[in-house]
Amino acid sequence: MKDDLLEIGKIVNTHGIRGEVKIQPWCDEPELFDELEYLFIEGEKYNIVRNRFHKTCQIVQLENVNNIDDAERFKNKIVYINRDALELPEGRYYIADIEGLTVKEQNGRILGVVDEIIKTGSNDVYSLKDTFNKKPVLIPVIEGVVLETNIDGGYIVVKLPKGLIDD
């Protein structure tokens, strides 16, 4: 069973003197913050009074955090949400759910386990560890390569492009 809480960012600083915090989001679409009503920081629930995107960060006002001194204690803290706080579109997954999945070909041959997800801009890339050749394998997350993702089953089925790995 997956954890109920998911990391979605880190508070990197305060913003202004009214107690706002600056969060570096760890998600593809920072506008998802607009759907959130609360966050968890160090296990405590904090209601969101308001938030906005500014440059590369989310500026968030938390309930009962009213000045810079109140906000200072949150610097460098990880921000979490409930897993069910956001509804992901079909075919989208949390990174925490993908990491650790076994990757195999259609014929059942196991290629390895997803160790890391690399953001390239155009598409994600799964980096596998403990592959059959003990060499790292990078799998592009694109249509025609990733055929099936089964979170509950713990696996991903891929069709490798020719020459991607040495047999």
Protein backbone atom coordinates (compact mmCIF):
# COMPACT_ATOMS: atom_id res chain seq x y z
CA MET A 1 0.00 0.00 0.00
CA LYS A 2 1.31 3.43 -0.93
CA ASP A 3 1.78 6.22 1.60
CA ASP A 4 -1.26 8.42 2.15
CA LEU A 5 0.86 11.58 1.89
CA LEU A 6 2.82 12.68 -1.17
CA GLU A 7 5.64 15.22 -1.33
CA ILE A 8 4.70 18.08 -3.65
CA GLY A 9 7.34 20.68 -2.92
CA LYS A 10 9.68 22.42 -0.54
CA ILE A 11 9.34 25.75 1.23
CA VAL A 12 12.43 27.61 0.07
CA ASN A 13 11.83 30.97 1.72
CA THR A 14 9.37 33.46 3.11
CA HIS A 15 7.72 36.05 0.87
CA GLY A 16 6.98 39.53 2.11
CA ILE A 17 6.16 40.44 5.70
CA ARG A 18 2.62 39.03 5.98
CA GLY A 19 3.60 35.42 6.55
CA GLU A 20 3.50 34.04 3.02
CA VAL A 21 5.85 31.20 2.13
CA LYS A 22 7.53 30.48 -1.18
CA ILE A 23 7.17 26.85 -2.29
CA GLN A 24 9.28 25.25 -5.02
CA PRO A 25 6.73 22.86 -6.57
CA TRP A 26 7.76 19.30 -7.44
CA CYS A 27 4.99 18.72 -9.95
CA ASP A 28 4.59 19.12 -13.69
CA GLU A 29 1.69 21.53 -13.39
CA PRO A 30 2.04 24.05 -10.54
CA GLU A 31 -1.52 25.24 -11.22
CA LEU A 32 -2.60 22.06 -9.41
CA PHE A 33 -1.95 24.09 -6.24
CA ASP A 34 -5.10 26.06 -7.13
CA GLU A 35 -7.18 22.96 -6.36
CA LEU A 36 -5.69 22.44 -2.89
CA GLU A 37 -7.45 23.50 0.29
CA TYR A 38 -4.72 22.45 2.72
CA LEU A 39 -1.13 21.18 3.00
CA PHE A 40 0.78 19.09 5.50
CA ILE A 41 4.08 20.29 6.93
CA GLU A 42 5.87 18.08 9.45
CA GLY A 43 2.67 16.11 9.95
CA GLU A 44 0.54 19.16 10.77
CA LYS A 45 -2.37 20.23 8.57
CA TYR A 46 -2.43 23.86 7.40
CA ASN A 47 -5.36 25.40 5.55
CA ILE A 48 -4.49 27.48 2.51
CA VAL A 49 -5.89 31.01 2.68
CA ARG A 50 -4.63 31.98 -0.78
CA ASN A 51 -1.94 31.07 -3.25
CA ARG A 52 -0.53 32.27 -6.54
CA PHE A 53 2.21 31.31 -8.93
CA HIS A 54 5.15 33.73 -9.15
CA LYS A 55 8.12 33.07 -11.46
CA THR A 56 9.11 29.48 -10.60
CA CYS A 57 7.48 29.23 -7.19
CA GLN A 58 4.09 29.06 -5.56
CA ILE A 59 3.41 31.83 -3.04
CA VAL A 60 1.12 30.48 -0.31
CA GLN A 61 -0.59 32.11 2.64
CA LEU A 62 -1.32 29.56 5.37
CA GLU A 63 -4.03 30.05 7.97
CA ASN A 64 -2.70 31.45 11.28
CA VAL A 65 0.67 32.29 9.72
CA ASN A 66 0.38 36.06 9.74
CA ASN A 67 3.87 37.54 9.76
CA ILE A 68 7.40 36.85 8.63
CA ASP A 69 8.40 35.50 12.05
CA ASP A 70 5.61 32.89 11.88
CA ALA A 71 6.67 31.95 8.34
CA GLU A 72 10.42 31.64 9.10
CA ARG A 73 9.94 28.33 10.93
CA PHE A 74 8.75 26.68 7.70
CA LYS A 75 11.88 27.41 5.66
CA ASN A 76 13.41 24.28 4.09
CA LYS A 77 10.44 22.10 5.11
CA ILE A 78 8.90 19.55 2.74
CA VAL A 79 5.24 20.10 1.82
CA TYR A 80 2.83 17.16 1.50
CA ILE A 81 -0.72 16.57 0.30
CA ASN A 82 -3.17 13.74 0.81
CA ARG A 83 -2.95 11.24 -2.03
CA ASP A 84 -6.64 11.76 -2.76
CA ALA A 85 -6.47 15.59 -2.70
CA LEU A 86 -6.00 15.72 -6.48
CA GLU A 87 -7.61 13.60 -9.15
CA LEU A 88 -5.06 12.68 -11.79
CA PRO A 89 -6.17 12.44 -15.42
CA GLU A 90 -6.21 9.02 -17.08
CA GLY A 91 -2.68 7.85 -17.83
CA ARG A 92 -1.00 10.21 -15.33
CA TYR A 93 0.75 8.88 -12.25
CA TYR A 94 2.55 10.15 -9.19
CA ILE A 95 6.33 9.76 -9.37
CA ALA A 96 6.20 7.97 -6.01
CA ASP A 97 3.96 5.32 -7.61
CA ILE A 98 6.23 4.76 -10.62
CA GLU A 99 9.54 4.51 -8.75
CA GLY A 100 10.14 0.91 -7.74
CA LEU A 101 7.97 -0.65 -10.46
CA THR A 102 9.42 -3.57 -12.43
CA VAL A 103 9.84 -2.87 -16.14
CA LYS A 104 9.44 -5.78 -18.52
CA GLU A 105 9.07 -6.41 -22.21
CA GLN A 106 5.94 -7.87 -23.79
CA ASN A 107 7.55 -11.33 -23.75
CA GLY A 108 7.97 -11.08 -19.96
CA ARG A 109 11.73 -10.44 -19.92
CA ILE A 110 12.50 -8.21 -16.95
CA LEU A 111 14.65 -5.20 -17.77
CA GLY A 112 14.95 -3.72 -14.30
CA VAL A 113 13.28 -1.51 -11.73
CA VAL A 114 12.49 2.19 -12.12
CA ASP A 115 15.08 3.95 -10.00
CA GLU A 116 14.56 7.52 -11.14
CA ILE A 117 12.35 9.57 -13.43
CA ILE A 118 14.26 12.11 -15.48
CA LYS A 119 12.45 15.22 -16.72
CA THR A 120 13.75 16.12 -20.19
CA GLY A 121 11.22 18.75 -21.19
CA SER A 122 9.71 16.89 -24.11
CA ASN A 123 9.02 13.62 -22.27
CA ASP A 124 10.00 11.82 -19.11
CA VAL A 125 12.62 9.06 -19.11
CA TYR A 126 12.62 6.08 -16.76
CA SER A 127 16.08 5.18 -15.48
CA LEU A 128 16.30 1.51 -14.53
CA LYS A 129 18.64 -0.12 -12.02
CA ASP A 130 19.77 -3.74 -11.70
CA THR A 131 19.24 -4.49 -15.35
CA PHE A 132 20.26 -7.80 -16.87
CA ASN A 133 23.51 -6.33 -18.25
CA LYS A 134 24.15 -4.33 -15.06
CA LYS A 135 24.24 -1.25 -17.27
CA PRO A 136 21.82 1.62 -16.77
CA VAL A 137 18.90 1.59 -19.19
CA LEU A 138 16.95 4.71 -20.06
CA ILE A 139 13.40 4.17 -21.30
CA PRO A 140 11.65 7.11 -23.01
CA VAL A 141 8.12 7.54 -21.70
CA ILE A 142 6.40 7.94 -25.05
CA GLU A 143 3.49 6.36 -26.87
CA GLY A 144 4.54 3.12 -28.53
CA VAL A 145 7.31 2.44 -26.01
CA VAL A 146 5.40 2.36 -22.71
CA LEU A 147 2.48 0.04 -23.44
CA GLU A 148 1.02 -0.56 -19.99
CA THR A 149 1.45 0.83 -16.50
CA ASN A 150 -0.05 -1.28 -13.73
CA ILE A 151 0.51 0.40 -10.38
CA ASP A 152 -1.41 -2.24 -8.39
CA GLY A 153 0.39 -5.06 -10.20
CA GLY A 154 3.78 -3.38 -9.69
CA TYR A 155 4.94 -3.39 -13.31
CA ILE A 156 5.31 -1.49 -16.56
CA VAL A 157 5.28 -3.21 -19.97
CA VAL A 158 7.43 -1.67 -22.71
CA LYS A 159 8.27 -2.24 -26.34
CA LEU A 160 11.89 -1.23 -26.77
CA PRO A 161 13.06 0.60 -29.88
CA LYS A 162 15.71 -1.34 -31.82
CA GLY A 163 19.20 -0.72 -30.52
CA LEU A 164 18.16 0.75 -27.18
CA ILE A 165 19.87 -2.06 -25.27
CA ASP A 166 22.44 -4.68 -26.17
CA ASP A 167 21.02 -8.20 -26.05
